[in-house]
Amino acid sequence: MSELSALGAGERPSFSDAPGLTATIASPATNALSRSLAEIANDLQARLPLLDLFQRLALIRAEIPGRFVFTTSFGLEDQAIGHAIFAQGLAIDVVTLDTGRLFPETHDVWAETERRYGIRVQAFVPAQKKVEALVARQGIDGFRSSVAERHACCDVRKVVPLGRALAGAFGWVTGMRSEQSADRAQVAMASPDKRRNLVKVNPLLDWQRDHVVDFVRAHDIPYNILHDRGFLSIGCAPCTRAVAPGEPERAGRWWWEHEAQKECGLHFSADGRVVRAKSTQSSDAFVE
């Protein structure tokens, strides 16, 4: 039996749906650019670990002025974060990168999420001409030929659309957890991105996978059924496989590559470093 397929089985953990913090913290407008990105990030870094997920998202929204973006891939972590946003009606733009190569099951949970919460998740898609040029040069699955070609595919399908999604934003929430990889263990819960002029926040950074599973069960949150089939980390269909017991969570991503660093360029560069908004193919292409 999978970690999630027995929803409702056994005693459920207790999580509050209505954190008291929301009514006591300041609204985003009251903090507009009164502090530097570093000051905001340092303050959040100190305060967030003391709070539950609902309170973390409410505090983040209150402390970071202006447009705020959460990028979701509809994985387990992102579904937990989305629930905390939607349940509180927080003014956070929820967007996704529809690469054109996603699993049908990912589209299914996307639709189920919209029905459950009565919302729309905005899709950012790759530029048609860039995809056409990529496939003409690589072939349909040319990303398997080398790490460089795989990064070129990720750049067109994910990194460039991410730049558009984050344009004009002052805050960015992701579902990264330190347990997922050695690279992600080095990431801060909140950090300034001076090139993009925003604060990046990872509110689940200190959570273990079991904690995320318990949260999803407790709130009956829609989730991707691929998790029940051994897919712990889910990306594009051609680049993701189920993992065997004992394998790292991200072992199923780009499994034909034998190097330890398993990232697409959204959060880390090809050599594993965190990179701050570096332009690649065009003015709207970013790497982080």
C-alpha atoms as a PDB file:
ATOM      1  CA  MET A   1       0.000   0.000   0.000  1.00  0.00           C
ATOM      2  CA  SER A   2       1.383   3.425  -0.893  1.00  0.00           C
ATOM      3  CA  GLU A   3       2.036   6.271   1.512  1.00  0.00           C
ATOM      4  CA  LEU A   4      -1.093   8.081   0.267  1.00  0.00           C
ATOM      5  CA  SER A   5      -3.504   5.455  -1.070  1.00  0.00           C
ATOM      6  CA  ALA A   6      -4.895   4.694   2.393  1.00  0.00           C
ATOM      7  CA  LEU A   7      -6.395   8.143   2.848  1.00  0.00           C
ATOM      8  CA  GLY A   8      -8.510   8.172   5.943  1.00  0.00           C
ATOM      9  CA  ALA A   9      -6.953   5.013   7.351  1.00  0.00           C
ATOM     10  CA  GLY A  10      -5.791   5.236  10.950  1.00  0.00           C
ATOM     11  CA  GLU A  11      -5.693   8.240  13.227  1.00  0.00           C
ATOM     12  CA  ARG A  12      -5.281  11.551  11.462  1.00  0.00           C
ATOM     13  CA  PRO A  13      -2.843  14.173  12.735  1.00  0.00           C
ATOM     14  CA  SER A  14      -4.257  17.442  13.978  1.00  0.00           C
ATOM     15  CA  PHE A  15      -3.767  20.561  11.861  1.00  0.00           C
ATOM     16  CA  SER A  16      -5.625  23.849  12.304  1.00  0.00           C
ATOM     17  CA  ASP A  17      -7.555  25.265   9.356  1.00  0.00           C
ATOM     18  CA  ALA A  18      -7.899  28.754  10.781  1.00  0.00           C
ATOM     19  CA  PRO A  19      -4.616  30.152  12.123  1.00  0.00           C
ATOM     20  CA  GLY A  20      -5.076  33.128  14.413  1.00  0.00           C
ATOM     21  CA  LEU A  21      -2.071  34.907  12.947  1.00  0.00           C
ATOM     22  CA  THR A  22      -3.890  36.122   9.849  1.00  0.00           C
ATOM     23  CA  ALA A  23      -5.909  38.777  11.664  1.00  0.00           C
ATOM     24  CA  THR A  24      -2.957  40.177  13.624  1.00  0.00           C
ATOM     25  CA  ILE A  25      -0.222  40.705  11.051  1.00  0.00           C
ATOM     26  CA  ALA A  26       0.059  43.768   8.848  1.00  0.00           C
ATOM     27  CA  SER A  27      -1.357  43.939   5.344  1.00  0.00           C
ATOM     28  CA  PRO A  28       1.076  43.933   2.397  1.00  0.00           C
ATOM     29  CA  ALA A  29       0.400  47.577   1.610  1.00  0.00           C
ATOM     30  CA  THR A  30       1.701  48.749   5.017  1.00  0.00           C
ATOM     31  CA  ASN A  31       5.177  47.347   4.313  1.00  0.00           C
ATOM     32  CA  ALA A  32       5.616  48.619   0.754  1.00  0.00           C
ATOM     33  CA  LEU A  33       9.375  48.863   0.124  1.00  0.00           C
ATOM     34  CA  SER A  34      10.031  50.205   3.626  1.00  0.00           C
ATOM     35  CA  ARG A  35      12.735  47.547   4.098  1.00  0.00           C
ATOM     36  CA  SER A  36      15.354  45.997   1.862  1.00  0.00           C
ATOM     37  CA  LEU A  37      14.930  42.530   0.383  1.00  0.00           C
ATOM     38  CA  ALA A  38      17.682  41.257   2.674  1.00  0.00           C
ATOM     39  CA  GLU A  39      15.979  42.677   5.762  1.00  0.00           C
ATOM     40  CA  ILE A  40      12.663  41.084   4.828  1.00  0.00           C
ATOM     41  CA  ALA A  41      14.332  37.740   4.080  1.00  0.00           C
ATOM     42  CA  ASN A  42      16.328  37.758   7.321  1.00  0.00           C
ATOM     43  CA  ASP A  43      13.208  38.555   9.338  1.00  0.00           C
ATOM     44  CA  LEU A  44      11.269  35.732   7.692  1.00  0.00           C
ATOM     45  CA  GLN A  45      14.176  33.342   8.116  1.00  0.00           C
ATOM     46  CA  ALA A  46      14.044  33.926  11.870  1.00  0.00           C
ATOM     47  CA  ARG A  47      10.250  33.858  12.302  1.00  0.00           C
ATOM     48  CA  LEU A  48       8.986  31.185   9.891  1.00  0.00           C
ATOM     49  CA  PRO A  49      10.360  28.075  11.661  1.00  0.00           C
ATOM     50  CA  LEU A  50       8.189  28.853  14.712  1.00  0.00           C
ATOM     51  CA  LEU A  51       4.929  28.747  12.723  1.00  0.00           C
ATOM     52  CA  ASP A  52       2.680  26.138  11.096  1.00  0.00           C
ATOM     53  CA  LEU A  53       2.170  26.173   7.331  1.00  0.00           C
ATOM     54  CA  PHE A  54      -0.975  28.302   7.400  1.00  0.00           C
ATOM     55  CA  GLN A  55       0.753  30.897   9.556  1.00  0.00           C
ATOM     56  CA  ARG A  56       3.887  30.809   7.435  1.00  0.00           C
ATOM     57  CA  LEU A  57       1.988  31.627   4.242  1.00  0.00           C
ATOM     58  CA  ALA A  58      -0.025  34.355   5.967  1.00  0.00           C
ATOM     59  CA  LEU A  59       3.128  35.950   7.380  1.00  0.00           C
ATOM     60  CA  ILE A  60       4.967  35.760   4.063  1.00  0.00           C
ATOM     61  CA  ARG A  61       2.071  37.454   2.269  1.00  0.00           C
ATOM     62  CA  ALA A  62       1.880  40.189   4.890  1.00  0.00           C
ATOM     63  CA  GLU A  63       5.596  40.936   5.004  1.00  0.00           C
ATOM     64  CA  ILE A  64       6.331  41.025   1.257  1.00  0.00           C
ATOM     65  CA  PRO A  65       4.665  43.884  -0.620  1.00  0.00           C
ATOM     66  CA  GLY A  66       3.282  43.835  -4.133  1.00  0.00           C
ATOM     67  CA  ARG A  67       2.710  40.920  -6.470  1.00  0.00           C
ATOM     68  CA  PHE A  68       3.432  37.514  -4.991  1.00  0.00           C
ATOM     69  CA  VAL A  69       3.743  34.282  -7.005  1.00  0.00           C
ATOM     70  CA  PHE A  70       3.544  30.610  -6.073  1.00  0.00           C
ATOM     71  CA  THR A  71       4.754  28.259  -8.812  1.00  0.00           C
ATOM     72  CA  THR A  72       3.115  24.852  -8.545  1.00  0.00           C
ATOM     73  CA  SER A  73       3.836  21.596 -10.366  1.00  0.00           C
ATOM     74  CA  PHE A  74       0.938  19.909  -8.498  1.00  0.00           C
ATOM     75  CA  GLY A  75       3.297  17.618  -6.604  1.00  0.00           C
ATOM     76  CA  LEU A  76       2.675  16.670  -3.001  1.00  0.00           C
ATOM     77  CA  GLU A  77       4.450  19.694  -1.496  1.00  0.00           C
ATOM     78  CA  ASP A  78       2.817  22.142  -3.883  1.00  0.00           C
ATOM     79  CA  GLN A  79      -0.636  20.755  -3.138  1.00  0.00           C
ATOM     80  CA  ALA A  80      -0.055  21.318   0.583  1.00  0.00           C
ATOM     81  CA  ILE A  81       1.079  24.901  -0.012  1.00  0.00           C
ATOM     82  CA  GLY A  82      -1.800  25.556  -2.399  1.00  0.00           C
ATOM     83  CA  HIS A  83      -4.285  24.358   0.212  1.00  0.00           C
ATOM     84  CA  ALA A  84      -2.871  26.770   2.798  1.00  0.00           C
ATOM     85  CA  ILE A  85      -3.144  29.620   0.272  1.00  0.00           C
ATOM     86  CA  PHE A  86      -6.655  28.837  -0.960  1.00  0.00           C
ATOM     87  CA  ALA A  87      -8.071  28.060   2.498  1.00  0.00           C
ATOM     88  CA  GLN A  88      -7.081  31.533   3.702  1.00  0.00           C
ATOM     89  CA  GLY A  89      -7.891  33.416   0.514  1.00  0.00           C
ATOM     90  CA  LEU A  90      -4.374  34.876   0.396  1.00  0.00           C
ATOM     91  CA  ALA A  91      -3.541  37.340  -2.374  1.00  0.00           C
ATOM     92  CA  ILE A  92      -0.940  35.124  -4.023  1.00  0.00           C
ATOM     93  CA  ASP A  93      -0.893  34.384  -7.761  1.00  0.00           C
ATOM     94  CA  VAL A  94      -0.803  30.603  -8.236  1.00  0.00           C
ATOM     95  CA  VAL A  95       0.784  29.696 -11.556  1.00  0.00           C
ATOM     96  CA  THR A  96       2.160  26.593 -13.260  1.00  0.00           C
ATOM     97  CA  LEU A  97       4.601  25.891 -16.073  1.00  0.00           C
ATOM     98  CA  ASP A  98       2.802  23.748 -18.648  1.00  0.00           C
ATOM     99  CA  THR A  99       5.782  22.388 -20.558  1.00  0.00           C
ATOM    100  CA  GLY A 100       3.805  20.470 -23.167  1.00  0.00           C
ATOM    101  CA  ARG A 101       5.259  17.173 -21.877  1.00  0.00           C
ATOM    102  CA  LEU A 102       3.388  16.739 -18.582  1.00  0.00           C
ATOM    103  CA  PHE A 103       1.740  13.487 -17.480  1.00  0.00           C
ATOM    104  CA  PRO A 104      -2.027  13.213 -18.078  1.00  0.00           C
ATOM    105  CA  GLU A 105      -2.303  12.515 -14.337  1.00  0.00           C
ATOM    106  CA  THR A 106      -0.772  15.932 -13.653  1.00  0.00           C
ATOM    107  CA  HIS A 107      -3.460  17.584 -15.769  1.00  0.00           C
ATOM    108  CA  ASP A 108      -6.052  15.519 -13.887  1.00  0.00           C
ATOM    109  CA  VAL A 109      -4.974  16.792 -10.457  1.00  0.00           C
ATOM    110  CA  TRP A 110      -4.713  20.315 -11.884  1.00  0.00           C
ATOM    111  CA  ALA A 111      -8.392  20.122 -12.915  1.00  0.00           C
ATOM    112  CA  GLU A 112      -9.392  18.509  -9.625  1.00  0.00           C
ATOM    113  CA  THR A 113      -7.616  21.265  -7.678  1.00  0.00           C
ATOM    114  CA  GLU A 114      -9.470  23.967  -9.591  1.00  0.00           C
ATOM    115  CA  ARG A 115     -12.798  22.244  -8.897  1.00  0.00           C
ATOM    116  CA  ARG A 116     -12.051  21.704  -5.222  1.00  0.00           C
ATOM    117  CA  TYR A 117     -11.125  25.312  -4.467  1.00  0.00           C
ATOM    118  CA  GLY A 118     -13.126  27.133  -7.146  1.00  0.00           C
ATOM    119  CA  ILE A 119     -10.026  28.807  -8.562  1.00  0.00           C
ATOM    120  CA  ARG A 120      -8.037  28.965 -11.782  1.00  0.00           C
ATOM    121  CA  VAL A 121      -4.311  28.206 -11.909  1.00  0.00           C
ATOM    122  CA  GLN A 122      -2.671  30.364 -14.562  1.00  0.00           C
ATOM    123  CA  ALA A 123      -0.535  28.435 -17.061  1.00  0.00           C
ATOM    124  CA  PHE A 124       2.678  29.755 -18.568  1.00  0.00           C
ATOM    125  CA  VAL A 125       3.643  27.827 -21.693  1.00  0.00           C
ATOM    126  CA  PRO A 126       6.828  27.796 -23.794  1.00  0.00           C
ATOM    127  CA  ALA A 127       7.044  29.991 -26.874  1.00  0.00           C
ATOM    128  CA  GLN A 128       5.831  28.083 -29.924  1.00  0.00           C
ATOM    129  CA  LYS A 129       8.697  29.118 -32.203  1.00  0.00           C
ATOM    130  CA  LYS A 130      11.292  28.189 -29.594  1.00  0.00           C
ATOM    131  CA  VAL A 131       9.767  24.738 -29.113  1.00  0.00           C
ATOM    132  CA  GLU A 132       9.577  24.203 -32.868  1.00  0.00           C
ATOM    133  CA  ALA A 133      13.229  25.199 -33.259  1.00  0.00           C
ATOM    134  CA  LEU A 134      14.269  23.000 -30.324  1.00  0.00           C
ATOM    135  CA  VAL A 135      12.520  19.899 -31.677  1.00  0.00           C
ATOM    136  CA  ALA A 136      13.793  20.564 -35.220  1.00  0.00           C
ATOM    137  CA  ARG A 137      17.351  20.623 -33.880  1.00  0.00           C
ATOM    138  CA  GLN A 138      17.152  17.907 -31.172  1.00  0.00           C
ATOM    139  CA  GLY A 139      14.398  15.620 -32.358  1.00  0.00           C
ATOM    140  CA  ILE A 140      11.377  14.887 -30.188  1.00  0.00           C
ATOM    141  CA  ASP A 141      13.403  13.276 -27.368  1.00  0.00           C
ATOM    142  CA  GLY A 142      16.795  14.770 -28.160  1.00  0.00           C
ATOM    143  CA  PHE A 143      17.265  15.831 -24.549  1.00  0.00           C
ATOM    144  CA  ARG A 144      18.454  12.277 -23.801  1.00  0.00           C
ATOM    145  CA  SER A 145      21.587  12.708 -25.912  1.00  0.00           C
ATOM    146  CA  SER A 146      23.498  14.820 -23.378  1.00  0.00           C
ATOM    147  CA  VAL A 147      23.135  16.835 -20.204  1.00  0.00           C
ATOM    148  CA  ALA A 148      23.600  20.020 -22.240  1.00  0.00           C
ATOM    149  CA  GLU A 149      20.732  19.107 -24.565  1.00  0.00           C
ATOM    150  CA  ARG A 150      18.525  18.253 -21.605  1.00  0.00           C
ATOM    151  CA  HIS A 151      19.255  21.645 -20.049  1.00  0.00           C
ATOM    152  CA  ALA A 152      18.452  23.287 -23.391  1.00  0.00           C
ATOM    153  CA  CYS A 153      15.044  21.590 -23.358  1.00  0.00           C
ATOM    154  CA  CYS A 154      14.392  22.607 -19.742  1.00  0.00           C
ATOM    155  CA  ASP A 155      15.415  26.163 -20.577  1.00  0.00           C
ATOM    156  CA  VAL A 156      12.883  26.512 -23.392  1.00  0.00           C
ATOM    157  CA  ARG A 157      10.042  24.658 -21.685  1.00  0.00           C
ATOM    158  CA  LYS A 158      10.491  25.775 -18.062  1.00  0.00           C
ATOM    159  CA  VAL A 159      13.116  28.425 -17.338  1.00  0.00           C
ATOM    160  CA  VAL A 160      12.049  31.003 -19.923  1.00  0.00           C
ATOM    161  CA  PRO A 161       8.321  30.695 -19.010  1.00  0.00           C
ATOM    162  CA  LEU A 162       9.296  31.031 -15.343  1.00  0.00           C
ATOM    163  CA  GLY A 163      10.875  34.385 -16.135  1.00  0.00           C
ATOM    164  CA  ARG A 164       7.568  35.579 -17.567  1.00  0.00           C
ATOM    165  CA  ALA A 165       5.632  34.201 -14.594  1.00  0.00           C
ATOM    166  CA  LEU A 166       7.822  36.083 -12.110  1.00  0.00           C
ATOM    167  CA  ALA A 167       7.997  39.370 -14.026  1.00  0.00           C
ATOM    168  CA  GLY A 168       7.040  42.199 -11.687  1.00  0.00           C
ATOM    169  CA  ALA A 169       6.784  39.970  -8.607  1.00  0.00           C
ATOM    170  CA  PHE A 170       8.275  40.885  -5.233  1.00  0.00           C
ATOM    171  CA  GLY A 171       7.858  37.419  -3.698  1.00  0.00           C
ATOM    172  CA  TRP A 172       8.169  33.834  -4.939  1.00  0.00           C
ATOM    173  CA  VAL A 173       7.077  30.712  -3.041  1.00  0.00           C
ATOM    174  CA  THR A 174       8.307  27.228  -3.993  1.00  0.00           C
ATOM    175  CA  GLY A 175       7.789  23.734  -2.575  1.00  0.00           C
ATOM    176  CA  MET A 176      11.452  22.827  -2.104  1.00  0.00           C
ATOM    177  CA  ARG A 177      12.441  20.783   0.960  1.00  0.00           C
ATOM    178  CA  SER A 178      15.970  20.303   2.263  1.00  0.00           C
ATOM    179  CA  GLU A 179      15.416  16.535   2.541  1.00  0.00           C
ATOM    180  CA  GLN A 180      14.991  16.200  -1.234  1.00  0.00           C
ATOM    181  CA  SER A 181      18.672  16.513  -2.163  1.00  0.00           C
ATOM    182  CA  ALA A 182      22.090  17.629  -0.944  1.00  0.00           C
ATOM    183  CA  ASP A 183      21.804  20.791  -3.053  1.00  0.00           C
ATOM    184  CA  ARG A 184      18.431  21.694  -1.584  1.00  0.00           C
ATOM    185  CA  ALA A 185      19.764  21.119   1.936  1.00  0.00           C
ATOM    186  CA  GLN A 186      21.953  24.205   1.401  1.00  0.00           C
ATOM    187  CA  VAL A 187      19.011  26.493   0.549  1.00  0.00           C
ATOM    188  CA  ALA A 188      17.604  29.038   3.008  1.00  0.00           C
ATOM    189  CA  MET A 189      13.936  29.190   3.941  1.00  0.00           C
ATOM    190  CA  ALA A 190      13.900  32.830   2.814  1.00  0.00           C
ATOM    191  CA  SER A 191      16.509  34.621   0.730  1.00  0.00           C
ATOM    192  CA  PRO A 192      16.776  37.809  -1.362  1.00  0.00           C
ATOM    193  CA  ASP A 193      17.088  37.555  -5.134  1.00  0.00           C
ATOM    194  CA  LYS A 194      18.541  40.947  -6.004  1.00  0.00           C
ATOM    195  CA  ARG A 195      18.601  40.396  -9.753  1.00  0.00           C
ATOM    196  CA  ARG A 196      14.872  39.704  -9.845  1.00  0.00           C
ATOM    197  CA  ASN A 197      14.175  42.177  -7.049  1.00  0.00           C
ATOM    198  CA  LEU A 198      12.178  39.646  -5.031  1.00  0.00           C
ATOM    199  CA  VAL A 199      12.305  37.439  -1.958  1.00  0.00           C
ATOM    200  CA  LYS A 200      12.238  33.694  -2.559  1.00  0.00           C
ATOM    201  CA  VAL A 201      10.608  31.625   0.171  1.00  0.00           C
ATOM    202  CA  ASN A 202      10.507  27.864   0.705  1.00  0.00           C
ATOM    203  CA  PRO A 203       7.932  27.387   3.489  1.00  0.00           C
ATOM    204  CA  LEU A 204       8.272  23.579   3.586  1.00  0.00           C
ATOM    205  CA  LEU A 205      12.062  23.555   3.637  1.00  0.00           C
ATOM    206  CA  ASP A 206      12.303  22.001   7.114  1.00  0.00           C
ATOM    207  CA  TRP A 207       9.467  19.463   6.641  1.00  0.00           C
ATOM    208  CA  GLN A 208      10.091  15.738   6.235  1.00  0.00           C
ATOM    209  CA  ARG A 209       8.167  13.889   3.530  1.00  0.00           C
ATOM    210  CA  ASP A 210       6.099  12.067   6.158  1.00  0.00           C
ATOM    211  CA  HIS A 211       4.947  15.438   7.493  1.00  0.00           C
ATOM    212  CA  VAL A 212       3.768  16.470   4.028  1.00  0.00           C
ATOM    213  CA  VAL A 213       1.936  13.157   3.559  1.00  0.00           C
ATOM    214  CA  ASP A 214       0.213  13.553   6.938  1.00  0.00           C
ATOM    215  CA  PHE A 215      -0.850  17.108   6.053  1.00  0.00           C
ATOM    216  CA  VAL A 216      -2.340  16.014   2.715  1.00  0.00           C
ATOM    217  CA  ARG A 217      -4.210  13.175   4.417  1.00  0.00           C
ATOM    218  CA  ALA A 218      -5.504  15.353   7.240  1.00  0.00           C
ATOM    219  CA  HIS A 219      -7.002  17.919   4.870  1.00  0.00           C
ATOM    220  CA  ASP A 220      -8.121  15.476   2.161  1.00  0.00           C
ATOM    221  CA  ILE A 221      -6.142  17.476  -0.404  1.00  0.00           C
ATOM    222  CA  PRO A 222      -6.249  16.348  -4.056  1.00  0.00           C
ATOM    223  CA  TYR A 223      -2.969  14.737  -5.084  1.00  0.00           C
ATOM    224  CA  ASN A 224      -1.386  13.215  -8.153  1.00  0.00           C
ATOM    225  CA  ILE A 225      -2.169   9.490  -8.256  1.00  0.00           C
ATOM    226  CA  LEU A 226       1.314   8.862  -9.639  1.00  0.00           C
ATOM    227  CA  HIS A 227       2.475   9.229  -6.031  1.00  0.00           C
ATOM    228  CA  ASP A 228       0.650   5.951  -5.352  1.00  0.00           C
ATOM    229  CA  ARG A 229       2.724   4.298  -8.076  1.00  0.00           C
ATOM    230  CA  GLY A 230       6.143   5.138  -6.674  1.00  0.00           C
ATOM    231  CA  PHE A 231       6.679   8.548  -8.290  1.00  0.00           C
ATOM    232  CA  LEU A 232       8.014  10.647  -5.411  1.00  0.00           C
ATOM    233  CA  SER A 233       9.061  13.606  -7.579  1.00  0.00           C
ATOM    234  CA  ILE A 234       7.019  14.329 -10.707  1.00  0.00           C
ATOM    235  CA  GLY A 235       8.096  16.416 -13.680  1.00  0.00           C
ATOM    236  CA  CYS A 236       7.718  15.929 -17.417  1.00  0.00           C
ATOM    237  CA  ALA A 237       6.590  12.458 -18.476  1.00  0.00           C
ATOM    238  CA  PRO A 238       9.621  11.499 -20.581  1.00  0.00           C
ATOM    239  CA  CYS A 239      11.975  12.614 -17.797  1.00  0.00           C
ATOM    240  CA  THR A 240      10.377  10.978 -14.759  1.00  0.00           C
ATOM    241  CA  ARG A 241      10.155   7.385 -13.538  1.00  0.00           C
ATOM    242  CA  ALA A 242       9.053   5.722 -10.320  1.00  0.00           C
ATOM    243  CA  VAL A 243      11.758   5.182  -7.712  1.00  0.00           C
ATOM    244  CA  ALA A 244      12.652   1.922  -6.012  1.00  0.00           C
ATOM    245  CA  PRO A 245      12.471   1.561  -2.204  1.00  0.00           C
ATOM    246  CA  GLY A 246      15.487   3.253  -0.662  1.00  0.00           C
ATOM    247  CA  GLU A 247      16.287   5.447  -3.669  1.00  0.00           C
ATOM    248  CA  PRO A 248      16.513   9.216  -3.134  1.00  0.00           C
ATOM    249  CA  GLU A 249      13.333  11.167  -3.871  1.00  0.00           C
ATOM    250  CA  ARG A 250      14.716  12.741  -7.037  1.00  0.00           C
ATOM    251  CA  ALA A 251      16.392   9.578  -8.373  1.00  0.00           C
ATOM    252  CA  GLY A 252      13.546   9.208 -10.867  1.00  0.00           C
ATOM    253  CA  ARG A 253      14.243  12.576 -12.502  1.00  0.00           C
ATOM    254  CA  TRP A 254      16.494  12.356 -15.609  1.00  0.00           C
ATOM    255  CA  TRP A 255      17.534   8.910 -14.371  1.00  0.00           C
ATOM    256  CA  TRP A 256      19.727   8.247 -17.429  1.00  0.00           C
ATOM    257  CA  GLU A 257      22.110  10.946 -16.188  1.00  0.00           C
ATOM    258  CA  HIS A 258      24.604   9.506 -13.727  1.00  0.00           C
ATOM    259  CA  GLU A 259      25.575  12.680 -11.950  1.00  0.00           C
ATOM    260  CA  ALA A 260      24.229  13.485  -8.495  1.00  0.00           C
ATOM    261  CA  GLN A 261      22.814  16.938  -9.337  1.00  0.00           C
ATOM    262  CA  LYS A 262      19.194  16.529 -10.495  1.00  0.00           C
ATOM    263  CA  GLU A 263      17.776  19.946 -11.332  1.00  0.00           C
ATOM    264  CA  CYS A 264      16.172  21.581 -14.361  1.00  0.00           C
ATOM    265  CA  GLY A 265      17.561  25.097 -13.962  1.00  0.00           C
ATOM    266  CA  LEU A 266      14.669  26.725 -12.096  1.00  0.00           C
ATOM    267  CA  HIS A 267      16.545  26.715  -8.786  1.00  0.00           C
ATOM    268  CA  PHE A 268      20.139  25.707  -9.568  1.00  0.00           C
ATOM    269  CA  SER A 269      22.607  26.036 -12.434  1.00  0.00           C
ATOM    270  CA  ALA A 270      24.042  23.042 -14.259  1.00  0.00           C
ATOM    271  CA  ASP A 271      26.975  22.841 -11.825  1.00  0.00           C
ATOM    272  CA  GLY A 272      24.721  22.836  -8.771  1.00  0.00           C
ATOM    273  CA  ARG A 273      25.100  26.463  -7.699  1.00  0.00           C
ATOM    274  CA  VAL A 274      22.136  28.667  -6.833  1.00  0.00           C
ATOM    275  CA  VAL A 275      22.045  31.259  -9.615  1.00  0.00           C
ATOM    276  CA  ARG A 276      20.277  34.597  -9.403  1.00  0.00           C
ATOM    277  CA  ALA A 277      18.247  35.325 -12.543  1.00  0.00           C
ATOM    278  CA  LYS A 278      20.828  34.942 -15.294  1.00  0.00           C
ATOM    279  CA  SER A 279      19.704  35.832 -18.815  1.00  0.00           C
ATOM    280  CA  THR A 280      20.104  33.051 -21.378  1.00  0.00           C
ATOM    281  CA  GLN A 281      18.307  33.033 -24.712  1.00  0.00           C
ATOM    282  CA  SER A 282      16.422  36.314 -24.483  1.00  0.00           C
ATOM    283  CA  SER A 283      15.571  39.159 -22.173  1.00  0.00           C
ATOM    284  CA  ASP A 284      12.807  37.120 -20.547  1.00  0.00           C
ATOM    285  CA  ALA A 285      14.976  34.027 -19.943  1.00  0.00           C
ATOM    286  CA  PHE A 286      16.063  33.443 -16.364  1.00  0.00           C
ATOM    287  CA  VAL A 287      17.896  30.755 -14.438  1.00  0.00           C
ATOM    288  CA  GLU A 288      17.576  30.162 -10.701  1.00  0.00           C
END
